[in-house]
PDB file of N, CA and C in Angstrom:
ATOM      1  N   UNK A   1      30.777   8.471  -5.906  1.00  0.00           N
ATOM      2  CA  UNK A   1      29.428   8.199  -4.624  1.00  0.00           C
ATOM      3  C   UNK A   1      29.142  10.060  -5.290  1.00  0.00           C
ATOM      4  N   UNK A   2      28.103   9.559  -5.546  1.00  0.00           N
ATOM      5  CA  UNK A   2      26.654  11.076  -5.669  1.00  0.00           C
ATOM      6  C   UNK A   2      26.398  11.098  -4.518  1.00  0.00           C
ATOM      7  N   UNK A   3      26.524  12.774  -4.153  1.00  0.00           N
ATOM      8  CA  UNK A   3      25.561  12.793  -2.466  1.00  0.00           C
ATOM      9  C   UNK A   3      23.697  12.919  -3.476  1.00  0.00           C
ATOM     10  N   UNK A   4      23.279  13.164  -2.394  1.00  0.00           N
ATOM     11  CA  UNK A   4      22.057  13.196  -2.586  1.00  0.00           C
ATOM     12  C   UNK A   4      21.631  12.483  -3.187  1.00  0.00           C
ATOM     13  N   UNK A   5      20.152  12.599  -2.965  1.00  0.00           N
ATOM     14  CA  UNK A   5      19.085  11.836  -4.469  1.00  0.00           C
ATOM     15  C   UNK A   5      18.709  13.319  -5.685  1.00  0.00           C
ATOM     16  N   UNK A   6      18.427  12.825  -6.581  1.00  0.00           N
ATOM     17  CA  UNK A   6      18.033  12.840  -7.378  1.00  0.00           C
ATOM     18  C   UNK A   6      16.856  13.361  -7.530  1.00  0.00           C
ATOM     19  N   UNK A   7      16.680  14.721  -8.251  1.00  0.00           N
ATOM     20  CA  UNK A   7      15.025  15.374  -7.699  1.00  0.00           C
ATOM     21  C   UNK A   7      14.544  14.683  -9.262  1.00  0.00           C
ATOM     22  N   UNK A   8      13.071  14.299  -8.244  1.00  0.00           N
ATOM     23  CA  UNK A   8      12.061  14.347  -9.574  1.00  0.00           C
ATOM     24  C   UNK A   8      11.973  15.294 -10.319  1.00  0.00           C
ATOM     25  N   UNK A   9      10.987  14.288 -11.704  1.00  0.00           N
ATOM     26  CA  UNK A   9      10.692  15.702 -12.937  1.00  0.00           C
ATOM     27  C   UNK A   9      10.428  16.821 -11.772  1.00  0.00           C
ATOM     28  N   UNK A  10       8.917  15.691 -11.551  1.00  0.00           N
ATOM     29  CA  UNK A  10       7.979  16.882 -11.090  1.00  0.00           C
ATOM     30  C   UNK A  10       8.525  17.643 -10.116  1.00  0.00           C
ATOM     31  N   UNK A  11       9.363  17.277  -9.244  1.00  0.00           N
ATOM     32  CA  UNK A  11      10.388  18.699  -8.126  1.00  0.00           C
ATOM     33  C   UNK A  11      11.232  19.861  -9.602  1.00  0.00           C
ATOM     34  N   UNK A  12      11.978  18.897  -9.776  1.00  0.00           N
ATOM     35  CA  UNK A  12      12.111  19.906 -10.480  1.00  0.00           C
ATOM     36  C   UNK A  12      11.541  21.334 -11.779  1.00  0.00           C
ATOM     37  N   UNK A  13      10.427  20.656 -11.531  1.00  0.00           N
ATOM     38  CA  UNK A  13       9.327  21.067 -12.849  1.00  0.00           C
ATOM     39  C   UNK A  13       8.994  22.195 -11.619  1.00  0.00           C
ATOM     40  N   UNK A  14       8.945  22.331 -10.645  1.00  0.00           N
ATOM     41  CA  UNK A  14       8.124  23.599  -9.558  1.00  0.00           C
ATOM     42  C   UNK A  14       9.440  24.163  -9.696  1.00  0.00           C
ATOM     43  N   UNK A  15      10.737  23.833  -9.467  1.00  0.00           N
ATOM     44  CA  UNK A  15      11.449  24.578  -9.672  1.00  0.00           C
ATOM     45  C   UNK A  15      12.318  25.670 -10.568  1.00  0.00           C
ATOM     46  N   UNK A  16      12.013  25.307 -11.297  1.00  0.00           N
ATOM     47  CA  UNK A  16      12.022  25.636 -13.037  1.00  0.00           C
ATOM     48  C   UNK A  16      10.749  26.814 -12.733  1.00  0.00           C
ATOM     49  N   UNK A  17       9.548  26.667 -12.966  1.00  0.00           N
ATOM     50  CA  UNK A  17       8.801  27.804 -12.204  1.00  0.00           C
ATOM     51  C   UNK A  17       8.588  28.943 -11.326  1.00  0.00           C
ATOM     52  N   UNK A  18       9.109  28.063  -9.925  1.00  0.00           N
ATOM     53  CA  UNK A  18       9.327  29.714  -8.387  1.00  0.00           C
ATOM     54  C   UNK A  18      10.498  30.211  -8.776  1.00  0.00           C
ATOM     55  N   UNK A  19      11.258  29.559  -9.680  1.00  0.00           N
ATOM     56  CA  UNK A  19      12.495  30.804  -9.970  1.00  0.00           C
ATOM     57  C   UNK A  19      12.847  31.604 -10.849  1.00  0.00           C
ATOM     58  N   UNK A  20      11.711  31.302 -12.151  1.00  0.00           N
ATOM     59  CA  UNK A  20      11.423  32.408 -12.943  1.00  0.00           C
ATOM     60  C   UNK A  20      10.141  32.591 -12.702  1.00  0.00           C
ATOM     61  N   UNK A  21       9.726  33.179 -11.810  1.00  0.00           N
ATOM     62  CA  UNK A  21       8.264  34.198 -12.055  1.00  0.00           C
ATOM     63  C   UNK A  21       8.026  35.149 -13.298  1.00  0.00           C
ATOM     64  N   UNK A  22       6.781  35.454 -13.975  1.00  0.00           N
ATOM     65  CA  UNK A  22       6.877  35.129 -15.284  1.00  0.00           C
ATOM     66  C   UNK A  22       6.900  35.017 -16.074  1.00  0.00           C
ATOM     67  N   UNK A  23       7.802  34.625 -15.965  1.00  0.00           N
ATOM     68  CA  UNK A  23       8.903  33.851 -17.668  1.00  0.00           C
ATOM     69  C   UNK A  23       8.143  32.248 -18.215  1.00  0.00           C
ATOM     70  N   UNK A  24       7.197  32.903 -19.563  1.00  0.00           N
ATOM     71  CA  UNK A  24       6.301  32.091 -20.077  1.00  0.00           C
ATOM     72  C   UNK A  24       8.091  30.923 -20.140  1.00  0.00           C
ATOM     73  N   UNK A  25       6.928  29.021 -20.687  1.00  0.00           N
ATOM     74  CA  UNK A  25       7.747  28.287 -21.181  1.00  0.00           C
ATOM     75  C   UNK A  25       6.711  27.855 -21.950  1.00  0.00           C
ATOM     76  N   UNK A  26       7.418  27.274 -23.432  1.00  0.00           N
ATOM     77  CA  UNK A  26       6.597  26.190 -24.234  1.00  0.00           C
ATOM     78  C   UNK A  26       6.909  24.929 -23.695  1.00  0.00           C
ATOM     79  N   UNK A  27       6.016  24.306 -24.318  1.00  0.00           N
ATOM     80  CA  UNK A  27       6.575  23.254 -23.545  1.00  0.00           C
ATOM     81  C   UNK A  27       7.516  22.540 -24.170  1.00  0.00           C
ATOM     82  N   UNK A  28       8.119  22.775 -25.690  1.00  0.00           N
ATOM     83  CA  UNK A  28       9.356  22.253 -26.611  1.00  0.00           C
ATOM     84  C   UNK A  28      10.604  22.717 -25.391  1.00  0.00           C
ATOM     85  N   UNK A  29      10.495  24.515 -24.394  1.00  0.00           N
ATOM     86  CA  UNK A  29      11.492  24.734 -23.331  1.00  0.00           C
ATOM     87  C   UNK A  29      11.516  23.875 -22.330  1.00  0.00           C
ATOM     88  N   UNK A  30      10.399  23.550 -21.894  1.00  0.00           N
ATOM     89  CA  UNK A  30      10.394  22.498 -20.302  1.00  0.00           C
ATOM     90  C   UNK A  30      11.078  21.574 -20.890  1.00  0.00           C
ATOM     91  N   UNK A  31      10.612  20.505 -21.749  1.00  0.00           N
ATOM     92  CA  UNK A  31      11.228  19.338 -22.630  1.00  0.00           C
ATOM     93  C   UNK A  31      13.103  19.674 -22.320  1.00  0.00           C
ATOM     94  N   UNK A  32      13.104  20.787 -23.260  1.00  0.00           N
ATOM     95  CA  UNK A  32      14.645  20.829 -23.046  1.00  0.00           C
ATOM     96  C   UNK A  32      15.881  21.066 -22.348  1.00  0.00           C
ATOM     97  N   UNK A  33      15.057  21.862 -21.247  1.00  0.00           N
ATOM     98  CA  UNK A  33      15.196  21.733 -19.537  1.00  0.00           C
ATOM     99  C   UNK A  33      15.666  20.805 -18.975  1.00  0.00           C
ATOM    100  N   UNK A  34      15.124  20.038 -18.911  1.00  0.00           N
ATOM    101  CA  UNK A  34      14.299  18.748 -18.518  1.00  0.00           C
ATOM    102  C   UNK A  34      14.926  17.787 -19.351  1.00  0.00           C
ATOM    103  N   UNK A  35      16.181  18.169 -20.141  1.00  0.00           N
ATOM    104  CA  UNK A  35      16.515  16.735 -21.092  1.00  0.00           C
ATOM    105  C   UNK A  35      15.242  15.555 -21.633  1.00  0.00           C
ATOM    106  N   UNK A  36      14.266  15.552 -21.709  1.00  0.00           N
ATOM    107  CA  UNK A  36      13.833  15.294 -22.301  1.00  0.00           C
ATOM    108  C   UNK A  36      13.670  15.040 -23.721  1.00  0.00           C
ATOM    109  N   UNK A  37      12.731  13.935 -24.259  1.00  0.00           N
ATOM    110  CA  UNK A  37      12.526  13.913 -25.746  1.00  0.00           C
ATOM    111  C   UNK A  37      11.023  14.202 -25.721  1.00  0.00           C
ATOM    112  N   UNK A  38      10.664  14.053 -26.882  1.00  0.00           N
ATOM    113  CA  UNK A  38       9.309  14.671 -27.854  1.00  0.00           C
ATOM    114  C   UNK A  38       8.233  13.838 -27.189  1.00  0.00           C
ATOM    115  N   UNK A  39       8.542  12.326 -26.765  1.00  0.00           N
ATOM    116  CA  UNK A  39       7.494  10.948 -26.739  1.00  0.00           C
ATOM    117  C   UNK A  39       7.527  11.640 -25.468  1.00  0.00           C
ATOM    118  N   UNK A  40       8.221  12.310 -24.467  1.00  0.00           N
ATOM    119  CA  UNK A  40       7.642  12.782 -22.970  1.00  0.00           C
ATOM    120  C   UNK A  40       6.555  13.415 -22.482  1.00  0.00           C
ATOM    121  N   UNK A  41       5.915  14.728 -23.739  1.00  0.00           N
ATOM    122  CA  UNK A  41       5.773  15.711 -23.597  1.00  0.00           C
ATOM    123  C   UNK A  41       4.345  14.825 -22.929  1.00  0.00           C
ATOM    124  N   UNK A  42       3.637  13.701 -23.290  1.00  0.00           N
ATOM    125  CA  UNK A  42       2.391  13.803 -22.525  1.00  0.00           C
ATOM    126  C   UNK A  42       3.010  13.284 -21.785  1.00  0.00           C
ATOM    127  N   UNK A  43       3.357  13.087 -21.000  1.00  0.00           N
ATOM    128  CA  UNK A  43       3.599  12.800 -19.087  1.00  0.00           C
ATOM    129  C   UNK A  43       4.134  14.669 -18.876  1.00  0.00           C
ATOM    130  N   UNK A  44       4.281  14.640 -19.398  1.00  0.00           N
ATOM    131  CA  UNK A  44       4.760  16.391 -19.397  1.00  0.00           C
ATOM    132  C   UNK A  44       3.651  16.845 -18.870  1.00  0.00           C
ATOM    133  N   UNK A  45       2.949  16.991 -20.253  1.00  0.00           N
ATOM    134  CA  UNK A  45       1.663  17.686 -19.698  1.00  0.00           C
ATOM    135  C   UNK A  45       1.067  17.467 -18.492  1.00  0.00           C
ATOM    136  N   UNK A  46       1.205  15.993 -18.334  1.00  0.00           N
ATOM    137  CA  UNK A  46       0.459  15.373 -17.144  1.00  0.00           C
ATOM    138  C   UNK A  46       1.892  15.475 -15.534  1.00  0.00           C
ATOM    139  N   UNK A  47       2.268  16.179 -15.603  1.00  0.00           N
ATOM    140  CA  UNK A  47       3.696  16.178 -14.108  1.00  0.00           C
ATOM    141  C   UNK A  47       3.041  17.806 -14.262  1.00  0.00           C
ATOM    142  N   UNK A  48       2.702  18.290 -15.610  1.00  0.00           N
ATOM    143  CA  UNK A  48       2.114  20.580 -15.089  1.00  0.00           C
ATOM    144  C   UNK A  48       1.034  20.464 -14.536  1.00  0.00           C
ATOM    145  N   UNK A  49       0.225  19.406 -14.373  1.00  0.00           N
ATOM    146  CA  UNK A  49      -1.163  20.655 -14.337  1.00  0.00           C
ATOM    147  C   UNK A  49      -1.098  19.684 -12.461  1.00  0.00           C
ATOM    148  N   UNK A  50      -0.218  18.400 -12.548  1.00  0.00           N
ATOM    149  CA  UNK A  50       0.165  18.369 -10.726  1.00  0.00           C
ATOM    150  C   UNK A  50       1.306  18.982 -10.030  1.00  0.00           C
ATOM    151  N   UNK A  51       1.999  19.636 -10.938  1.00  0.00           N
ATOM    152  CA  UNK A  51       2.742  21.003 -10.602  1.00  0.00           C
ATOM    153  C   UNK A  51       2.051  21.995  -9.866  1.00  0.00           C
ATOM    154  N   UNK A  52       1.266  22.497 -10.749  1.00  0.00           N
ATOM    155  CA  UNK A  52       0.007  23.570 -11.020  1.00  0.00           C
ATOM    156  C   UNK A  52      -0.713  24.082  -9.363  1.00  0.00           C
ATOM    157  N   UNK A  53      -1.119  22.316  -9.643  1.00  0.00           N
ATOM    158  CA  UNK A  53      -2.124  22.155  -7.598  1.00  0.00           C
ATOM    159  C   UNK A  53      -0.868  22.419  -6.380  1.00  0.00           C
ATOM    160  N   UNK A  54       0.423  21.640  -6.961  1.00  0.00           N
ATOM    161  CA  UNK A  54       1.300  21.670  -5.731  1.00  0.00           C
ATOM    162  C   UNK A  54       1.314  22.987  -5.279  1.00  0.00           C
ATOM    163  N   UNK A  55       2.481  23.603  -6.477  1.00  0.00           N
ATOM    164  CA  UNK A  55       2.233  25.323  -6.414  1.00  0.00           C
ATOM    165  C   UNK A  55       1.484  25.920  -5.708  1.00  0.00           C
ATOM    166  N   UNK A  56       0.127  25.932  -6.255  1.00  0.00           N
ATOM    167  CA  UNK A  56      -1.078  27.108  -6.029  1.00  0.00           C
ATOM    168  C   UNK A  56      -1.476  26.087  -4.108  1.00  0.00           C
ATOM    169  N   UNK A  57      -1.971  24.984  -4.159  1.00  0.00           N
ATOM    170  CA  UNK A  57      -1.002  24.807  -2.353  1.00  0.00           C
ATOM    171  C   UNK A  57      -0.270  25.614  -1.067  1.00  0.00           C
ATOM    172  N   UNK A  58       1.055  24.787  -1.817  1.00  0.00           N
ATOM    173  CA  UNK A  58       2.659  25.375  -0.790  1.00  0.00           C
ATOM    174  C   UNK A  58       2.210  26.855  -1.348  1.00  0.00           C
ATOM    175  N   UNK A  59       1.846  27.470  -1.841  1.00  0.00           N
ATOM    176  CA  UNK A  59       1.652  28.979  -1.361  1.00  0.00           C
ATOM    177  C   UNK A  59       0.918  29.897  -0.702  1.00  0.00           C
ATOM    178  N   UNK A  60      -0.264  28.991  -0.527  1.00  0.00           N
ATOM    179  CA  UNK A  60      -1.588  29.344  -0.136  1.00  0.00           C
ATOM    180  C   UNK A  60      -2.037  30.306  -0.933  1.00  0.00           C
ATOM    181  N   UNK A  61      -2.715  30.111  -2.107  1.00  0.00           N
ATOM    182  CA  UNK A  61      -3.163  30.571  -3.304  1.00  0.00           C
ATOM    183  C   UNK A  61      -2.668  32.079  -3.929  1.00  0.00           C
ATOM    184  N   UNK A  62      -1.414  31.748  -3.540  1.00  0.00           N
ATOM    185  CA  UNK A  62      -0.210  33.279  -3.899  1.00  0.00           C
ATOM    186  C   UNK A  62      -0.165  32.775  -5.114  1.00  0.00           C
ATOM    187  N   UNK A  63       0.694  31.884  -6.156  1.00  0.00           N
ATOM    188  CA  UNK A  63       1.316  31.774  -7.046  1.00  0.00           C
ATOM    189  C   UNK A  63       0.039  30.403  -8.300  1.00  0.00           C
ATOM    190  N   UNK A  64      -0.175  30.748  -8.943  1.00  0.00           N
ATOM    191  CA  UNK A  64      -0.936  30.184  -9.286  1.00  0.00           C
ATOM    192  C   UNK A  64      -0.056  29.872 -11.650  1.00  0.00           C
ATOM    193  N   UNK A  65      -0.003  28.779 -12.015  1.00  0.00           N
ATOM    194  CA  UNK A  65       0.349  28.420 -13.001  1.00  0.00           C
ATOM    195  C   UNK A  65      -0.958  28.562 -14.077  1.00  0.00           C
ATOM    196  N   UNK A  66      -0.934  29.235 -14.898  1.00  0.00           N
ATOM    197  CA  UNK A  66      -1.563  29.688 -15.509  1.00  0.00           C
ATOM    198  C   UNK A  66      -1.000  29.448 -17.200  1.00  0.00           C
ATOM    199  N   UNK A  67      -2.080  29.176 -17.776  1.00  0.00           N
ATOM    200  CA  UNK A  67      -1.682  28.087 -19.432  1.00  0.00           C
ATOM    201  C   UNK A  67      -1.654  28.852 -20.742  1.00  0.00           C
ATOM    202  N   UNK A  68      -1.203  29.460 -21.167  1.00  0.00           N
ATOM    203  CA  UNK A  68      -1.520  30.125 -23.161  1.00  0.00           C
ATOM    204  C   UNK A  68      -1.744  28.317 -24.012  1.00  0.00           C
ATOM    205  N   UNK A  69      -3.487  29.193 -23.750  1.00  0.00           N
ATOM    206  CA  UNK A  69      -4.063  27.356 -24.204  1.00  0.00           C
ATOM    207  C   UNK A  69      -3.682  27.472 -26.089  1.00  0.00           C
ATOM    208  N   UNK A  70      -3.491  26.085 -26.068  1.00  0.00           N
ATOM    209  CA  UNK A  70      -2.949  25.471 -27.150  1.00  0.00           C
ATOM    210  C   UNK A  70      -4.073  26.410 -28.213  1.00  0.00           C
ATOM    211  N   UNK A  71      -3.485  25.613 -29.924  1.00  0.00           N
ATOM    212  CA  UNK A  71      -3.946  27.010 -30.631  1.00  0.00           C
ATOM    213  C   UNK A  71      -3.511  26.155 -32.005  1.00  0.00           C
ATOM    214  N   UNK A  72      -4.520  26.592 -32.984  1.00  0.00           N
ATOM    215  CA  UNK A  72      -5.212  25.063 -33.940  1.00  0.00           C
ATOM    216  C   UNK A  72      -3.892  26.703 -34.918  1.00  0.00           C
ATOM    217  N   UNK A  73      -3.208  26.242 -35.656  1.00  0.00           N
ATOM    218  CA  UNK A  73      -1.881  26.765 -36.307  1.00  0.00           C
ATOM    219  C   UNK A  73      -2.234  26.809 -37.911  1.00  0.00           C
ATOM    220  N   UNK A  74      -3.482  25.826 -38.034  1.00  0.00           N
ATOM    221  CA  UNK A  74      -4.196  26.658 -39.210  1.00  0.00           C
ATOM    222  C   UNK A  74      -5.038  27.473 -39.826  1.00  0.00           C
ATOM    223  N   UNK A  75      -6.738  27.305 -39.134  1.00  0.00           N
ATOM    224  CA  UNK A  75      -7.991  28.753 -39.100  1.00  0.00           C
ATOM    225  C   UNK A  75      -7.098  29.338 -37.163  1.00  0.00           C
ATOM    226  N   UNK A  76      -6.210  29.089 -36.599  1.00  0.00           N
ATOM    227  CA  UNK A  76      -6.585  30.251 -34.947  1.00  0.00           C
ATOM    228  C   UNK A  76      -7.282  30.198 -34.338  1.00  0.00           C
ATOM    229  N   UNK A  77      -8.179  28.847 -33.976  1.00  0.00           N
ATOM    230  CA  UNK A  77      -8.855  28.884 -32.592  1.00  0.00           C
ATOM    231  C   UNK A  77      -7.811  28.281 -31.798  1.00  0.00           C
ATOM    232  N   UNK A  78      -8.747  28.867 -30.790  1.00  0.00           N
ATOM    233  CA  UNK A  78      -7.855  29.045 -29.334  1.00  0.00           C
ATOM    234  C   UNK A  78      -8.897  27.556 -28.378  1.00  0.00           C
ATOM    235  N   UNK A  79      -8.170  26.699 -27.782  1.00  0.00           N
ATOM    236  CA  UNK A  79      -8.661  25.896 -27.024  1.00  0.00           C
ATOM    237  C   UNK A  79      -8.967  26.714 -25.954  1.00  0.00           C
ATOM    238  N   UNK A  80      -9.232  27.794 -25.580  1.00  0.00           N
ATOM    239  CA  UNK A  80      -9.398  28.207 -23.837  1.00  0.00           C
ATOM    240  C   UNK A  80     -10.401  27.410 -23.337  1.00  0.00           C
ATOM    241  N   UNK A  81     -11.374  26.409 -23.129  1.00  0.00           N
ATOM    242  CA  UNK A  81     -12.479  26.027 -22.465  1.00  0.00           C
ATOM    243  C   UNK A  81     -11.359  24.500 -21.547  1.00  0.00           C
ATOM    244  N   UNK A  82      -9.751  24.394 -22.427  1.00  0.00           N
ATOM    245  CA  UNK A  82      -9.344  23.118 -21.146  1.00  0.00           C
ATOM    246  C   UNK A  82      -9.937  23.141 -19.805  1.00  0.00           C
ATOM    247  N   UNK A  83      -9.305  22.062 -19.250  1.00  0.00           N
ATOM    248  CA  UNK A  83      -9.414  21.931 -17.899  1.00  0.00           C
ATOM    249  C   UNK A  83      -8.216  22.128 -17.482  1.00  0.00           C
ATOM    250  N   UNK A  84      -7.736  20.921 -18.604  1.00  0.00           N
ATOM    251  CA  UNK A  84      -5.979  20.754 -17.647  1.00  0.00           C
ATOM    252  C   UNK A  84      -5.267  21.535 -18.930  1.00  0.00           C
ATOM    253  N   UNK A  85      -3.853  20.946 -18.845  1.00  0.00           N
ATOM    254  CA  UNK A  85      -2.922  20.780 -19.892  1.00  0.00           C
ATOM    255  C   UNK A  85      -3.363  19.715 -20.666  1.00  0.00           C
ATOM    256  N   UNK A  86      -3.319  19.882 -21.956  1.00  0.00           N
ATOM    257  CA  UNK A  86      -2.906  18.870 -22.759  1.00  0.00           C
ATOM    258  C   UNK A  86      -3.011  19.284 -24.372  1.00  0.00           C
ATOM    259  N   UNK A  87      -2.793  18.460 -25.142  1.00  0.00           N
ATOM    260  CA  UNK A  87      -2.505  18.583 -26.476  1.00  0.00           C
ATOM    261  C   UNK A  87      -3.457  18.403 -26.993  1.00  0.00           C
ATOM    262  N   UNK A  88      -4.504  18.858 -27.462  1.00  0.00           N
ATOM    263  CA  UNK A  88      -5.449  18.330 -28.026  1.00  0.00           C
ATOM    264  C   UNK A  88      -5.338  17.342 -30.072  1.00  0.00           C
ATOM    265  N   UNK A  89      -5.966  16.779 -30.268  1.00  0.00           N
ATOM    266  CA  UNK A  89      -5.384  15.997 -31.168  1.00  0.00           C
ATOM    267  C   UNK A  89      -6.016  16.743 -32.526  1.00  0.00           C
ATOM    268  N   UNK A  90      -6.510  17.356 -32.506  1.00  0.00           N
ATOM    269  CA  UNK A  90      -7.023  17.791 -34.116  1.00  0.00           C
ATOM    270  C   UNK A  90      -8.109  18.921 -33.304  1.00  0.00           C
ATOM    271  N   UNK A  91      -8.730  20.525 -34.232  1.00  0.00           N
ATOM    272  CA  UNK A  91      -9.286  21.272 -33.761  1.00  0.00           C
ATOM    273  C   UNK A  91     -10.419  21.207 -34.505  1.00  0.00           C
ATOM    274  N   UNK A  92     -12.002  21.259 -33.833  1.00  0.00           N
ATOM    275  CA  UNK A  92     -12.681  21.394 -33.750  1.00  0.00           C
ATOM    276  C   UNK A  92     -13.351  21.841 -34.855  1.00  0.00           C
ATOM    277  N   UNK A  93     -12.823  22.652 -35.474  1.00  0.00           N
ATOM    278  CA  UNK A  93     -13.304  23.663 -36.765  1.00  0.00           C
ATOM    279  C   UNK A  93     -13.060  23.321 -37.807  1.00  0.00           C
ATOM    280  N   UNK A  94     -11.107  23.463 -38.246  1.00  0.00           N
ATOM    281  CA  UNK A  94     -11.205  22.682 -38.941  1.00  0.00           C
ATOM    282  C   UNK A  94     -10.289  21.324 -39.521  1.00  0.00           C
ATOM    283  N   UNK A  95     -10.582  20.643 -38.647  1.00  0.00           N
ATOM    284  CA  UNK A  95      -9.853  19.474 -38.247  1.00  0.00           C
ATOM    285  C   UNK A  95      -8.728  19.058 -38.530  1.00  0.00           C
ATOM    286  N   UNK A  96      -8.220  19.901 -38.416  1.00  0.00           N
ATOM    287  CA  UNK A  96      -6.819  19.846 -39.215  1.00  0.00           C
ATOM    288  C   UNK A  96      -5.725  19.449 -37.652  1.00  0.00           C
ATOM    289  N   UNK A  97      -4.560  18.964 -37.767  1.00  0.00           N
ATOM    290  CA  UNK A  97      -3.764  18.537 -36.300  1.00  0.00           C
ATOM    291  C   UNK A  97      -2.469  19.549 -36.934  1.00  0.00           C
ATOM    292  N   UNK A  98      -2.817  20.362 -37.235  1.00  0.00           N
ATOM    293  CA  UNK A  98      -1.347  21.674 -36.884  1.00  0.00           C
ATOM    294  C   UNK A  98      -1.485  22.566 -35.562  1.00  0.00           C
ATOM    295  N   UNK A  99      -1.611  21.692 -34.264  1.00  0.00           N
ATOM    296  CA  UNK A  99      -1.996  22.239 -33.302  1.00  0.00           C
ATOM    297  C   UNK A  99      -0.535  22.701 -32.481  1.00  0.00           C
ATOM    298  N   UNK A 100      -0.274  23.959 -32.475  1.00  0.00           N
ATOM    299  CA  UNK A 100       0.011  25.056 -31.330  1.00  0.00           C
ATOM    300  C   UNK A 100       0.449  24.046 -30.054  1.00  0.00           C
ATOM    301  N   UNK A 101       1.151  23.910 -29.747  1.00  0.00           N
ATOM    302  CA  UNK A 101       0.740  23.829 -28.529  1.00  0.00           C
ATOM    303  C   UNK A 101       1.380  24.713 -27.214  1.00  0.00           C
ATOM    304  N   UNK A 102       0.666  24.251 -25.267  1.00  0.00           N
ATOM    305  CA  UNK A 102       0.711  25.571 -24.457  1.00  0.00           C
ATOM    306  C   UNK A 102       1.343  25.641 -24.415  1.00  0.00           C
ATOM    307  N   UNK A 103       1.631  26.692 -23.403  1.00  0.00           N
ATOM    308  CA  UNK A 103       3.085  27.218 -23.080  1.00  0.00           C
ATOM    309  C   UNK A 103       2.178  27.779 -21.205  1.00  0.00           C
ATOM    310  N   UNK A 104       3.161  27.536 -20.488  1.00  0.00           N
ATOM    311  CA  UNK A 104       2.890  28.317 -19.181  1.00  0.00           C
ATOM    312  C   UNK A 104       4.526  28.792 -18.349  1.00  0.00           C
ATOM    313  N   UNK A 105       3.343  29.565 -17.462  1.00  0.00           N
ATOM    314  CA  UNK A 105       3.718  30.854 -16.810  1.00  0.00           C
ATOM    315  C   UNK A 105       3.518  31.070 -15.366  1.00  0.00           C
ATOM    316  N   UNK A 106       3.982  31.007 -13.905  1.00  0.00           N
ATOM    317  CA  UNK A 106       3.927  31.366 -12.717  1.00  0.00           C
ATOM    318  C   UNK A 106       3.817  32.775 -12.475  1.00  0.00           C
ATOM    319  N   UNK A 107       2.510  33.170 -12.214  1.00  0.00           N
ATOM    320  CA  UNK A 107       1.754  34.243 -11.705  1.00  0.00           C
ATOM    321  C   UNK A 107       1.806  34.268  -9.846  1.00  0.00           C
ATOM    322  N   UNK A 108       2.119  35.138  -9.358  1.00  0.00           N
ATOM    323  CA  UNK A 108       2.231  35.803  -8.036  1.00  0.00           C
ATOM    324  C   UNK A 108       1.271  37.154  -7.390  1.00  0.00           C
ATOM    325  N   UNK A 109       0.591  36.478  -7.105  1.00  0.00           N
ATOM    326  CA  UNK A 109      -0.206  37.698  -6.498  1.00  0.00           C
ATOM    327  C   UNK A 109       0.363  38.422  -5.839  1.00  0.00           C
ATOM    328  N   UNK A 110       0.184  40.105  -5.332  1.00  0.00           N
ATOM    329  CA  UNK A 110       0.702  40.207  -4.172  1.00  0.00           C
ATOM    330  C   UNK A 110       1.477  41.559  -4.161  1.00  0.00           C
TER     331      UNK A 110
END
């Protein structure tokens, strides 16, 4: 019989970020570390948005999860005005669907 309760994806995600401040993780890195498939990317992005709020609240604002925004691989357009982590379906400039996903890093103040 196993001991303890298995951690949720969000708990494991928070643990990854909190134990590796300053290390940038791509979406693919996180999917691999959490043993998830490419199909789970959208759900993982939702989890990342939730974990970002949780980390900020739990640390009293001294740690923030920052996102390197998605970039169009065809024309270089940077999706810098995104409110939440997501992968846009196509570029507003060139209409290409070749979008590099966002990357994430935990930054601590002080």
